[in-house]
C-alpha atoms as a PDB file:
ATOM      1  CA  UNK A   1      12.633  79.085  52.424  1.00  0.00           C
ATOM      2  CA  UNK A   2      12.575  79.599  48.539  1.00  0.00           C
ATOM      3  CA  UNK A   3      12.683  76.732  46.333  1.00  0.00           C
ATOM      4  CA  UNK A   4      16.074  77.559  45.003  1.00  0.00           C
ATOM      5  CA  UNK A   5      17.104  77.553  48.865  1.00  0.00           C
ATOM      6  CA  UNK A   6      15.717  74.414  49.192  1.00  0.00           C
ATOM      7  CA  UNK A   7      17.248  72.727  46.320  1.00  0.00           C
ATOM      8  CA  UNK A   8      20.522  74.183  47.063  1.00  0.00           C
ATOM      9  CA  UNK A   9      20.085  72.691  50.828  1.00  0.00           C
ATOM     10  CA  UNK A  10      19.217  69.213  49.415  1.00  0.00           C
ATOM     11  CA  UNK A  11      22.227  69.403  47.005  1.00  0.00           C
ATOM     12  CA  UNK A  12      24.517  70.313  49.633  1.00  0.00           C
ATOM     13  CA  UNK A  13      23.216  67.508  52.056  1.00  0.00           C
ATOM     14  CA  UNK A  14      23.425  64.980  49.343  1.00  0.00           C
ATOM     15  CA  UNK A  15      27.158  65.847  48.379  1.00  0.00           C
ATOM     16  CA  UNK A  16      28.237  65.700  51.956  1.00  0.00           C
ATOM     17  CA  UNK A  17      26.586  62.297  52.397  1.00  0.00           C
ATOM     18  CA  UNK A  18      28.351  61.158  49.358  1.00  0.00           C
ATOM     19  CA  UNK A  19      31.539  62.224  50.673  1.00  0.00           C
ATOM     20  CA  UNK A  20      31.125  60.819  54.130  1.00  0.00           C
ATOM     21  CA  UNK A  21      30.086  57.387  52.740  1.00  0.00           C
ATOM     22  CA  UNK A  22      33.359  56.033  51.490  1.00  0.00           C
ATOM     23  CA  UNK A  23      35.086  56.814  54.646  1.00  0.00           C
ATOM     24  CA  UNK A  24      32.400  55.041  56.681  1.00  0.00           C
ATOM     25  CA  UNK A  25      32.832  52.182  54.195  1.00  0.00           C
ATOM     26  CA  UNK A  26      36.375  51.913  54.320  1.00  0.00           C
ATOM     27  CA  UNK A  27      36.313  52.075  58.123  1.00  0.00           C
ATOM     28  CA  UNK A  28      33.680  49.218  58.119  1.00  0.00           C
ATOM     29  CA  UNK A  29      36.064  47.322  55.717  1.00  0.00           C
ATOM     30  CA  UNK A  30      38.958  47.689  57.902  1.00  0.00           C
ATOM     31  CA  UNK A  31      37.406  46.462  61.039  1.00  0.00           C
ATOM     32  CA  UNK A  32      36.238  43.212  58.982  1.00  0.00           C
ATOM     33  CA  UNK A  33      39.946  42.664  57.722  1.00  0.00           C
ATOM     34  CA  UNK A  34      41.660  43.510  60.934  1.00  0.00           C
ATOM     35  CA  UNK A  35      41.508  40.430  63.275  1.00  0.00           C
ATOM     36  CA  UNK A  36      44.182  41.976  65.766  1.00  0.00           C
ATOM     37  CA  UNK A  37      42.294  44.975  65.893  1.00  0.00           C
ATOM     38  CA  UNK A  38      45.355  47.317  65.522  1.00  0.00           C
ATOM     39  CA  UNK A  39      43.560  49.722  63.295  1.00  0.00           C
ATOM     40  CA  UNK A  40      45.725  48.785  60.154  1.00  0.00           C
ATOM     41  CA  UNK A  41      45.747  45.847  57.679  1.00  0.00           C
ATOM     42  CA  UNK A  42      48.903  43.967  57.066  1.00  0.00           C
ATOM     43  CA  UNK A  43      49.689  42.208  53.951  1.00  0.00           C
ATOM     44  CA  UNK A  44      49.591  38.890  55.794  1.00  0.00           C
ATOM     45  CA  UNK A  45      46.018  39.777  56.892  1.00  0.00           C
ATOM     46  CA  UNK A  46      44.920  40.805  53.287  1.00  0.00           C
ATOM     47  CA  UNK A  47      46.399  37.758  52.055  1.00  0.00           C
ATOM     48  CA  UNK A  48      44.303  35.641  54.626  1.00  0.00           C
ATOM     49  CA  UNK A  49      41.242  37.507  53.536  1.00  0.00           C
ATOM     50  CA  UNK A  50      42.130  36.813  49.939  1.00  0.00           C
ATOM     51  CA  UNK A  51      42.689  33.264  50.125  1.00  0.00           C
ATOM     52  CA  UNK A  52      39.063  32.827  51.742  1.00  0.00           C
ATOM     53  CA  UNK A  53      37.586  35.089  48.751  1.00  0.00           C
ATOM     54  CA  UNK A  54      39.672  32.642  46.428  1.00  0.00           C
ATOM     55  CA  UNK A  55      37.970  29.581  47.934  1.00  0.00           C
ATOM     56  CA  UNK A  56      34.757  31.423  47.608  1.00  0.00           C
ATOM     57  CA  UNK A  57      35.205  32.199  43.996  1.00  0.00           C
ATOM     58  CA  UNK A  58      36.223  28.506  43.163  1.00  0.00           C
ATOM     59  CA  UNK A  59      32.662  26.650  42.998  1.00  0.00           C
ATOM     60  CA  UNK A  60      33.997  23.403  41.462  1.00  0.00           C
ATOM     61  CA  UNK A  61      37.000  23.173  43.880  1.00  0.00           C
ATOM     62  CA  UNK A  62      39.718  22.583  41.315  1.00  0.00           C
ATOM     63  CA  UNK A  63      42.086  24.822  42.878  1.00  0.00           C
ATOM     64  CA  UNK A  64      41.880  27.534  39.962  1.00  0.00           C
ATOM     65  CA  UNK A  65      39.718  30.389  38.648  1.00  0.00           C
ATOM     66  CA  UNK A  66      38.726  30.646  35.168  1.00  0.00           C
ATOM     67  CA  UNK A  67      37.952  33.748  33.488  1.00  0.00           C
ATOM     68  CA  UNK A  68      34.083  33.505  34.501  1.00  0.00           C
ATOM     69  CA  UNK A  69      34.977  32.450  38.026  1.00  0.00           C
ATOM     70  CA  UNK A  70      37.260  35.331  38.529  1.00  0.00           C
ATOM     71  CA  UNK A  71      35.526  37.927  36.883  1.00  0.00           C
ATOM     72  CA  UNK A  72      33.819  39.507  39.968  1.00  0.00           C
ATOM     73  CA  UNK A  73      37.212  40.065  41.838  1.00  0.00           C
ATOM     74  CA  UNK A  74      39.975  40.157  38.843  1.00  0.00           C
ATOM     75  CA  UNK A  75      39.536  43.041  36.517  1.00  0.00           C
ATOM     76  CA  UNK A  76      42.634  42.336  34.451  1.00  0.00           C
ATOM     77  CA  UNK A  77      42.599  38.431  33.775  1.00  0.00           C
ATOM     78  CA  UNK A  78      45.290  38.215  31.517  1.00  0.00           C
ATOM     79  CA  UNK A  79      47.734  40.113  33.919  1.00  0.00           C
ATOM     80  CA  UNK A  80      46.724  37.814  36.856  1.00  0.00           C
ATOM     81  CA  UNK A  81      47.451  34.706  34.755  1.00  0.00           C
ATOM     82  CA  UNK A  82      51.026  35.337  33.867  1.00  0.00           C
ATOM     83  CA  UNK A  83      51.600  31.660  32.813  1.00  0.00           C
ATOM     84  CA  UNK A  84      48.804  32.021  30.149  1.00  0.00           C
ATOM     85  CA  UNK A  85      47.102  28.673  30.919  1.00  0.00           C
ATOM     86  CA  UNK A  86      43.519  30.138  31.152  1.00  0.00           C
ATOM     87  CA  UNK A  87      43.288  29.778  34.810  1.00  0.00           C
ATOM     88  CA  UNK A  88      44.464  31.966  37.886  1.00  0.00           C
ATOM     89  CA  UNK A  89      45.744  29.453  40.771  1.00  0.00           C
ATOM     90  CA  UNK A  90      45.895  30.551  44.210  1.00  0.00           C
ATOM     91  CA  UNK A  91      49.735  31.465  44.188  1.00  0.00           C
ATOM     92  CA  UNK A  92      48.760  33.734  41.110  1.00  0.00           C
ATOM     93  CA  UNK A  93      45.782  35.285  43.140  1.00  0.00           C
ATOM     94  CA  UNK A  94      48.231  36.012  46.068  1.00  0.00           C
ATOM     95  CA  UNK A  95      50.801  37.588  43.654  1.00  0.00           C
ATOM     96  CA  UNK A  96      47.572  39.923  42.611  1.00  0.00           C
ATOM     97  CA  UNK A  97      46.714  40.667  45.971  1.00  0.00           C
ATOM     98  CA  UNK A  98      50.354  41.530  46.805  1.00  0.00           C
ATOM     99  CA  UNK A  99      50.521  43.943  43.762  1.00  0.00           C
ATOM    100  CA  UNK A 100      47.373  45.538  44.713  1.00  0.00           C
ATOM    101  CA  UNK A 101      48.257  45.980  48.435  1.00  0.00           C
ATOM    102  CA  UNK A 102      51.610  47.678  47.291  1.00  0.00           C
ATOM    103  CA  UNK A 103      49.857  50.276  45.121  1.00  0.00           C
ATOM    104  CA  UNK A 104      47.231  51.007  47.992  1.00  0.00           C
ATOM    105  CA  UNK A 105      50.287  51.668  50.560  1.00  0.00           C
ATOM    106  CA  UNK A 106      51.551  54.982  49.180  1.00  0.00           C
ATOM    107  CA  UNK A 107      53.583  55.559  52.417  1.00  0.00           C
ATOM    108  CA  UNK A 108      55.237  52.163  52.225  1.00  0.00           C
ATOM    109  CA  UNK A 109      54.808  51.345  55.923  1.00  0.00           C
ATOM    110  CA  UNK A 110      53.532  47.753  55.137  1.00  0.00           C
ATOM    111  CA  UNK A 111      49.983  48.491  56.604  1.00  0.00           C
ATOM    112  CA  UNK A 112      46.802  50.055  55.337  1.00  0.00           C
ATOM    113  CA  UNK A 113      44.466  52.246  57.252  1.00  0.00           C
ATOM    114  CA  UNK A 114      41.055  53.236  56.562  1.00  0.00           C
ATOM    115  CA  UNK A 115      42.205  56.308  54.434  1.00  0.00           C
ATOM    116  CA  UNK A 116      44.414  54.101  52.260  1.00  0.00           C
ATOM    117  CA  UNK A 117      41.280  51.692  51.733  1.00  0.00           C
ATOM    118  CA  UNK A 118      39.220  54.656  50.561  1.00  0.00           C
ATOM    119  CA  UNK A 119      41.652  55.512  47.324  1.00  0.00           C
ATOM    120  CA  UNK A 120      40.915  53.626  44.135  1.00  0.00           C
ATOM    121  CA  UNK A 121      43.735  51.379  44.620  1.00  0.00           C
ATOM    122  CA  UNK A 122      42.524  50.523  48.112  1.00  0.00           C
ATOM    123  CA  UNK A 123      39.219  49.719  46.526  1.00  0.00           C
ATOM    124  CA  UNK A 124      40.731  47.665  43.896  1.00  0.00           C
ATOM    125  CA  UNK A 125      42.554  45.463  46.727  1.00  0.00           C
ATOM    126  CA  UNK A 126      39.193  45.049  48.584  1.00  0.00           C
ATOM    127  CA  UNK A 127      37.476  43.880  45.364  1.00  0.00           C
ATOM    128  CA  UNK A 128      40.310  40.926  45.492  1.00  0.00           C
ATOM    129  CA  UNK A 129      40.048  40.220  49.234  1.00  0.00           C
ATOM    130  CA  UNK A 130      36.419  40.743  50.283  1.00  0.00           C
END
């Protein structure tokens, strides 16, 4: 096989692997978030996972996240803090999860499957709940 053919084959294998990875990752994420094993994640399941994430992001256990604590999960802190008190409480975090869930659910069936988690909106939700 010539160098050009080897390089082309290597590039093709790399591209195929890159496209396969998000689907695998989304499937693994789905299994971790689907306690009833029905193959989808409901808003209630997402909220339960999100509450655990919220608690893990709150090291001082004051019931709120400041901008530093929330930085790994919340990309738009100002939007997540509608009362502008400089913190995101559990209710505000839950509202962020609900908004992200709705954006990740284009068919509006109230559940998310692996394909929906693989979208940019699904990835944003995963960042909030995992």
